[in-house]
Amino acid sequence: MQLWVGLGNPGAQYAMHRHNVGFMAVDAIAAVHGFAPSAKKFQGWVQEGRVGGAKVLLLKPATFMNDSGRSVGEAMRFYKLGLDALTVFHDELDLAPMKVKVKQGGGTAGHNGLRSIDQHLGADFRRVRLGIGHPGHKDRVTGHVLGNYAKAEIDALSDMLGAVAAEADRLAEGDDVRFMNDVALRVQG
């Protein structure tokens, strides 16, 4: 079993924030791959299903971003999973908007959700970095991250989320390079 975690903040007022693109990604995967309805568990919402041949549990922590590690840690311990089974979908300032990159391990780059997971479990997990772009000056970062996607970005956002969901089989197989290439081709096309 693999555990795929989308990072975000719970509540309707946060739904369209750039910081919630991780939630959006796992919702898209659940919809495209016909996952079971979500249930409240592990201080979050979980959905079970299959992506390609892999059994995947999707988790959206309800603990707020800064405490995501509590929810993720609970699920990991319950299923006795190692860090190799964990994939985290999150917003990434240092990537152009709608770009998608996968990396194994690494730092937190100031991302409080990643920092929390790192503190609870360690840093050696796979990350699907969903680009939100940098606003240009560090004083504008908080407003940018916690701001809603602009109307002009919605079509591109939908395309990117659709591509991530459509190519999720590649992630499930562990073919991160092909996943990134295929997502990029879909988003460009």
C-alpha atoms as a PDB file:
ATOM      1  CA  MET A   1       0.000   0.000   0.000  1.00  0.00           C
ATOM      2  CA  GLN A   2       1.086   3.560  -0.707  1.00  0.00           C
ATOM      3  CA  LEU A   3       0.035   6.635   1.264  1.00  0.00           C
ATOM      4  CA  TRP A   4      -0.433   9.758  -0.853  1.00  0.00           C
ATOM      5  CA  VAL A   5      -0.927  12.920   1.193  1.00  0.00           C
ATOM      6  CA  GLY A   6      -2.260  16.213  -0.105  1.00  0.00           C
ATOM      7  CA  LEU A   7      -1.303  19.217   2.001  1.00  0.00           C
ATOM      8  CA  GLY A   8      -3.718  22.048   2.661  1.00  0.00           C
ATOM      9  CA  ASN A   9      -5.857  23.732   5.272  1.00  0.00           C
ATOM     10  CA  PRO A  10      -9.365  22.485   6.095  1.00  0.00           C
ATOM     11  CA  GLY A  11     -12.352  24.752   5.582  1.00  0.00           C
ATOM     12  CA  ALA A  12     -14.232  26.323   2.685  1.00  0.00           C
ATOM     13  CA  GLN A  13     -12.475  29.681   3.157  1.00  0.00           C
ATOM     14  CA  TYR A  14      -9.139  28.040   2.222  1.00  0.00           C
ATOM     15  CA  ALA A  15     -10.394  25.853  -0.627  1.00  0.00           C
ATOM     16  CA  MET A  16      -8.963  27.911  -3.506  1.00  0.00           C
ATOM     17  CA  HIS A  17      -5.764  29.062  -1.776  1.00  0.00           C
ATOM     18  CA  ARG A  18      -2.537  28.250  -3.586  1.00  0.00           C
ATOM     19  CA  HIS A  19      -1.428  26.608  -0.321  1.00  0.00           C
ATOM     20  CA  ASN A  20      -4.248  24.053  -0.835  1.00  0.00           C
ATOM     21  CA  VAL A  21      -3.149  22.777  -4.239  1.00  0.00           C
ATOM     22  CA  GLY A  22      -2.044  19.528  -2.531  1.00  0.00           C
ATOM     23  CA  PHE A  23      -5.649  18.924  -1.420  1.00  0.00           C
ATOM     24  CA  MET A  24      -6.797  19.717  -4.961  1.00  0.00           C
ATOM     25  CA  ALA A  25      -4.366  17.187  -6.454  1.00  0.00           C
ATOM     26  CA  VAL A  26      -5.512  14.262  -4.298  1.00  0.00           C
ATOM     27  CA  ASP A  27      -9.154  15.206  -4.931  1.00  0.00           C
ATOM     28  CA  ALA A  28      -8.462  15.061  -8.687  1.00  0.00           C
ATOM     29  CA  ILE A  29      -6.744  11.675  -8.332  1.00  0.00           C
ATOM     30  CA  ALA A  30      -9.689  10.327  -6.289  1.00  0.00           C
ATOM     31  CA  ALA A  31     -12.187  11.530  -8.905  1.00  0.00           C
ATOM     32  CA  VAL A  32     -10.305  10.225 -11.959  1.00  0.00           C
ATOM     33  CA  HIS A  33      -9.480   6.839 -10.404  1.00  0.00           C
ATOM     34  CA  GLY A  34     -12.885   6.196  -8.799  1.00  0.00           C
ATOM     35  CA  PHE A  35     -11.815   6.140  -5.152  1.00  0.00           C
ATOM     36  CA  ALA A  36     -14.271   5.331  -2.370  1.00  0.00           C
ATOM     37  CA  PRO A  37     -15.986   8.262  -0.622  1.00  0.00           C
ATOM     38  CA  SER A  38     -13.870   9.981   2.002  1.00  0.00           C
ATOM     39  CA  ALA A  39     -14.043   8.986   5.657  1.00  0.00           C
ATOM     40  CA  LYS A  40     -12.828  10.797   8.755  1.00  0.00           C
ATOM     41  CA  LYS A  41      -9.749   9.007  10.089  1.00  0.00           C
ATOM     42  CA  PHE A  42      -6.190   9.767  11.264  1.00  0.00           C
ATOM     43  CA  GLN A  43      -7.167  13.376  12.080  1.00  0.00           C
ATOM     44  CA  GLY A  44      -8.023  13.888   8.435  1.00  0.00           C
ATOM     45  CA  TRP A  45     -10.021  12.585   5.497  1.00  0.00           C
ATOM     46  CA  VAL A  46      -9.024   9.333   3.816  1.00  0.00           C
ATOM     47  CA  GLN A  47     -10.088   7.634   0.605  1.00  0.00           C
ATOM     48  CA  GLU A  48      -9.096   4.148  -0.493  1.00  0.00           C
ATOM     49  CA  GLY A  49      -8.671   3.027  -4.049  1.00  0.00           C
ATOM     50  CA  ARG A  50      -6.323   1.812  -6.748  1.00  0.00           C
ATOM     51  CA  VAL A  51      -4.055   3.694  -9.092  1.00  0.00           C
ATOM     52  CA  GLY A  52      -2.982   1.323 -11.820  1.00  0.00           C
ATOM     53  CA  GLY A  53      -2.103  -1.885 -10.008  1.00  0.00           C
ATOM     54  CA  ALA A  54      -1.265  -0.206  -6.688  1.00  0.00           C
ATOM     55  CA  LYS A  55      -3.464   0.102  -3.628  1.00  0.00           C
ATOM     56  CA  VAL A  56      -3.352   3.761  -2.569  1.00  0.00           C
ATOM     57  CA  LEU A  57      -4.701   5.540   0.485  1.00  0.00           C
ATOM     58  CA  LEU A  58      -5.253   9.256  -0.090  1.00  0.00           C
ATOM     59  CA  LEU A  59      -5.044  11.471   3.007  1.00  0.00           C
ATOM     60  CA  LYS A  60      -5.930  15.119   3.506  1.00  0.00           C
ATOM     61  CA  PRO A  61      -4.866  16.080   7.059  1.00  0.00           C
ATOM     62  CA  ALA A  62      -7.485  18.155   8.920  1.00  0.00           C
ATOM     63  CA  THR A  63      -4.900  19.381  11.424  1.00  0.00           C
ATOM     64  CA  PHE A  64      -4.068  22.580   9.512  1.00  0.00           C
ATOM     65  CA  MET A  65      -0.868  22.813   7.521  1.00  0.00           C
ATOM     66  CA  ASN A  66       1.524  23.453  10.416  1.00  0.00           C
ATOM     67  CA  ASP A  67       0.573  20.193  12.149  1.00  0.00           C
ATOM     68  CA  SER A  68       0.188  17.890   9.129  1.00  0.00           C
ATOM     69  CA  GLY A  69       2.825  15.488  10.475  1.00  0.00           C
ATOM     70  CA  ARG A  70       0.535  14.335  13.297  1.00  0.00           C
ATOM     71  CA  SER A  71      -2.093  13.077  10.871  1.00  0.00           C
ATOM     72  CA  VAL A  72       0.441  11.564   8.443  1.00  0.00           C
ATOM     73  CA  GLY A  73       2.328   9.885  11.301  1.00  0.00           C
ATOM     74  CA  GLU A  74      -0.873   8.290  12.623  1.00  0.00           C
ATOM     75  CA  ALA A  75      -1.700   6.780   9.225  1.00  0.00           C
ATOM     76  CA  MET A  76       1.885   5.579   8.681  1.00  0.00           C
ATOM     77  CA  ARG A  77       1.985   3.858  12.077  1.00  0.00           C
ATOM     78  CA  PHE A  78      -1.482   2.305  11.673  1.00  0.00           C
ATOM     79  CA  TYR A  79      -0.535   0.686   8.355  1.00  0.00           C
ATOM     80  CA  LYS A  80       3.076   0.011   9.443  1.00  0.00           C
ATOM     81  CA  LEU A  81       4.412   1.809   6.363  1.00  0.00           C
ATOM     82  CA  GLY A  82       7.963   2.939   5.743  1.00  0.00           C
ATOM     83  CA  LEU A  83       8.881   6.322   4.286  1.00  0.00           C
ATOM     84  CA  ASP A  84       9.284   4.646   0.885  1.00  0.00           C
ATOM     85  CA  ALA A  85       5.473   4.292   0.774  1.00  0.00           C
ATOM     86  CA  LEU A  86       4.834   8.016   1.390  1.00  0.00           C
ATOM     87  CA  THR A  87       4.224  10.617  -1.323  1.00  0.00           C
ATOM     88  CA  VAL A  88       3.317  14.198  -0.381  1.00  0.00           C
ATOM     89  CA  PHE A  89       1.663  16.636  -2.817  1.00  0.00           C
ATOM     90  CA  HIS A  90       2.370  20.267  -1.920  1.00  0.00           C
ATOM     91  CA  ASP A  91       2.602  23.811  -3.230  1.00  0.00           C
ATOM     92  CA  GLU A  92       6.076  24.964  -4.283  1.00  0.00           C
ATOM     93  CA  LEU A  93       7.088  28.636  -4.449  1.00  0.00           C
ATOM     94  CA  ASP A  94      10.337  27.886  -6.264  1.00  0.00           C
ATOM     95  CA  LEU A  95       8.602  26.388  -9.312  1.00  0.00           C
ATOM     96  CA  ALA A  96       6.826  28.332 -12.041  1.00  0.00           C
ATOM     97  CA  PRO A  97       3.028  28.224 -11.774  1.00  0.00           C
ATOM     98  CA  MET A  98       1.527  24.892 -12.909  1.00  0.00           C
ATOM     99  CA  LYS A  99       4.922  23.162 -13.248  1.00  0.00           C
ATOM    100  CA  VAL A 100       5.157  19.739 -11.577  1.00  0.00           C
ATOM    101  CA  LYS A 101       8.365  18.173 -10.283  1.00  0.00           C
ATOM    102  CA  VAL A 102       8.994  15.081  -8.176  1.00  0.00           C
ATOM    103  CA  LYS A 103      11.887  14.695  -5.788  1.00  0.00           C
ATOM    104  CA  GLN A 104      12.945  12.258  -3.110  1.00  0.00           C
ATOM    105  CA  GLY A 105      13.796  13.737   0.278  1.00  0.00           C
ATOM    106  CA  GLY A 106      15.338  17.150   0.754  1.00  0.00           C
ATOM    107  CA  GLY A 107      14.724  20.235   2.805  1.00  0.00           C
ATOM    108  CA  THR A 108      11.486  21.985   3.618  1.00  0.00           C
ATOM    109  CA  ALA A 109      12.201  25.354   1.907  1.00  0.00           C
ATOM    110  CA  GLY A 110      10.183  27.087   4.635  1.00  0.00           C
ATOM    111  CA  HIS A 111       7.058  24.971   3.963  1.00  0.00           C
ATOM    112  CA  ASN A 112       5.431  24.356   7.341  1.00  0.00           C
ATOM    113  CA  GLY A 113       3.522  21.263   6.209  1.00  0.00           C
ATOM    114  CA  LEU A 114       6.727  19.601   5.014  1.00  0.00           C
ATOM    115  CA  ARG A 115       8.519  20.732   8.170  1.00  0.00           C
ATOM    116  CA  SER A 116       5.853  19.079  10.341  1.00  0.00           C
ATOM    117  CA  ILE A 117       6.052  15.771   8.440  1.00  0.00           C
ATOM    118  CA  ASP A 118       9.850  15.933   8.585  1.00  0.00           C
ATOM    119  CA  GLN A 119       9.725  16.420  12.383  1.00  0.00           C
ATOM    120  CA  HIS A 120       7.331  13.502  12.876  1.00  0.00           C
ATOM    121  CA  LEU A 121       8.772  11.017  10.359  1.00  0.00           C
ATOM    122  CA  GLY A 122      12.033  12.207   8.828  1.00  0.00           C
ATOM    123  CA  ALA A 123      12.792  13.833   5.474  1.00  0.00           C
ATOM    124  CA  ASP A 124      13.291  10.877   3.136  1.00  0.00           C
ATOM    125  CA  PHE A 125       9.874  10.772   1.464  1.00  0.00           C
ATOM    126  CA  ARG A 126       8.782  11.486  -2.109  1.00  0.00           C
ATOM    127  CA  ARG A 127       7.408  14.940  -2.809  1.00  0.00           C
ATOM    128  CA  VAL A 128       5.275  16.015  -5.751  1.00  0.00           C
ATOM    129  CA  ARG A 129       6.023  19.726  -5.980  1.00  0.00           C
ATOM    130  CA  LEU A 130       3.175  21.699  -7.564  1.00  0.00           C
ATOM    131  CA  GLY A 131       4.432  25.070  -8.747  1.00  0.00           C
ATOM    132  CA  ILE A 132       2.690  28.238  -7.571  1.00  0.00           C
ATOM    133  CA  GLY A 133       5.483  30.651  -8.538  1.00  0.00           C
ATOM    134  CA  HIS A 134       7.142  33.283  -6.379  1.00  0.00           C
ATOM    135  CA  PRO A 135       5.520  36.721  -6.066  1.00  0.00           C
ATOM    136  CA  GLY A 136       8.911  38.390  -6.545  1.00  0.00           C
ATOM    137  CA  HIS A 137       9.587  39.712  -3.040  1.00  0.00           C
ATOM    138  CA  LYS A 138       9.711  37.864   0.275  1.00  0.00           C
ATOM    139  CA  ASP A 139       7.326  40.387   1.877  1.00  0.00           C
ATOM    140  CA  ARG A 140       4.601  39.256  -0.542  1.00  0.00           C
ATOM    141  CA  VAL A 141       5.057  35.497  -0.042  1.00  0.00           C
ATOM    142  CA  THR A 142       2.457  34.981   2.714  1.00  0.00           C
ATOM    143  CA  GLY A 143      -0.269  36.850   0.819  1.00  0.00           C
ATOM    144  CA  HIS A 144       0.585  34.954  -2.365  1.00  0.00           C
ATOM    145  CA  VAL A 145       0.610  31.496  -0.754  1.00  0.00           C
ATOM    146  CA  LEU A 146      -2.544  32.163   1.270  1.00  0.00           C
ATOM    147  CA  GLY A 147      -4.278  33.919  -1.617  1.00  0.00           C
ATOM    148  CA  ASN A 148      -6.837  32.394  -3.951  1.00  0.00           C
ATOM    149  CA  TYR A 149      -5.964  31.397  -7.474  1.00  0.00           C
ATOM    150  CA  ALA A 150      -6.903  34.204  -9.855  1.00  0.00           C
ATOM    151  CA  LYS A 151      -9.768  33.637 -12.294  1.00  0.00           C
ATOM    152  CA  ALA A 152      -7.231  33.810 -15.137  1.00  0.00           C
ATOM    153  CA  GLU A 153      -5.340  30.833 -13.612  1.00  0.00           C
ATOM    154  CA  ILE A 154      -8.298  28.452 -13.205  1.00  0.00           C
ATOM    155  CA  ASP A 155      -8.126  26.825 -16.658  1.00  0.00           C
ATOM    156  CA  ALA A 156      -4.372  26.222 -16.332  1.00  0.00           C
ATOM    157  CA  LEU A 157      -4.884  24.894 -12.781  1.00  0.00           C
ATOM    158  CA  SER A 158      -7.573  22.490 -14.008  1.00  0.00           C
ATOM    159  CA  ASP A 159      -5.297  21.311 -16.815  1.00  0.00           C
ATOM    160  CA  MET A 160      -2.398  20.713 -14.412  1.00  0.00           C
ATOM    161  CA  LEU A 161      -4.547  18.857 -11.855  1.00  0.00           C
ATOM    162  CA  GLY A 162      -6.117  16.774 -14.620  1.00  0.00           C
ATOM    163  CA  ALA A 163      -2.667  15.864 -15.955  1.00  0.00           C
ATOM    164  CA  VAL A 164      -1.436  14.864 -12.476  1.00  0.00           C
ATOM    165  CA  ALA A 165      -4.481  12.624 -11.999  1.00  0.00           C
ATOM    166  CA  ALA A 166      -4.303  11.140 -15.506  1.00  0.00           C
ATOM    167  CA  GLU A 167      -0.617  10.246 -15.148  1.00  0.00           C
ATOM    168  CA  ALA A 168      -0.823   9.063 -11.512  1.00  0.00           C
ATOM    169  CA  ASP A 169      -0.261   5.455 -12.681  1.00  0.00           C
ATOM    170  CA  ARG A 170       3.354   6.430 -13.386  1.00  0.00           C
ATOM    171  CA  LEU A 171       3.777   7.638  -9.802  1.00  0.00           C
ATOM    172  CA  ALA A 172       2.238   4.451  -8.448  1.00  0.00           C
ATOM    173  CA  GLU A 173       4.767   2.448 -10.502  1.00  0.00           C
ATOM    174  CA  GLY A 174       7.630   4.572  -9.143  1.00  0.00           C
ATOM    175  CA  ASP A 175       8.435   6.012 -12.581  1.00  0.00           C
ATOM    176  CA  ASP A 176       8.835   9.623 -11.429  1.00  0.00           C
ATOM    177  CA  VAL A 177      10.669  10.769 -14.560  1.00  0.00           C
ATOM    178  CA  ARG A 178       7.992   9.477 -16.928  1.00  0.00           C
ATOM    179  CA  PHE A 179       5.303  10.986 -14.657  1.00  0.00           C
ATOM    180  CA  MET A 180       6.948  14.427 -14.864  1.00  0.00           C
ATOM    181  CA  ASN A 181       7.464  14.164 -18.636  1.00  0.00           C
ATOM    182  CA  ASP A 182       3.915  12.980 -19.329  1.00  0.00           C
ATOM    183  CA  VAL A 183       2.373  15.664 -17.088  1.00  0.00           C
ATOM    184  CA  ALA A 184       4.460  18.348 -18.831  1.00  0.00           C
ATOM    185  CA  LEU A 185       3.365  17.075 -22.262  1.00  0.00           C
ATOM    186  CA  ARG A 186      -0.309  17.098 -21.257  1.00  0.00           C
ATOM    187  CA  VAL A 187      -0.092  20.601 -19.770  1.00  0.00           C
ATOM    188  CA  GLN A 188       1.686  21.999 -22.859  1.00  0.00           C
ATOM    189  CA  GLY A 189      -0.632  20.243 -25.293  1.00  0.00           C
END
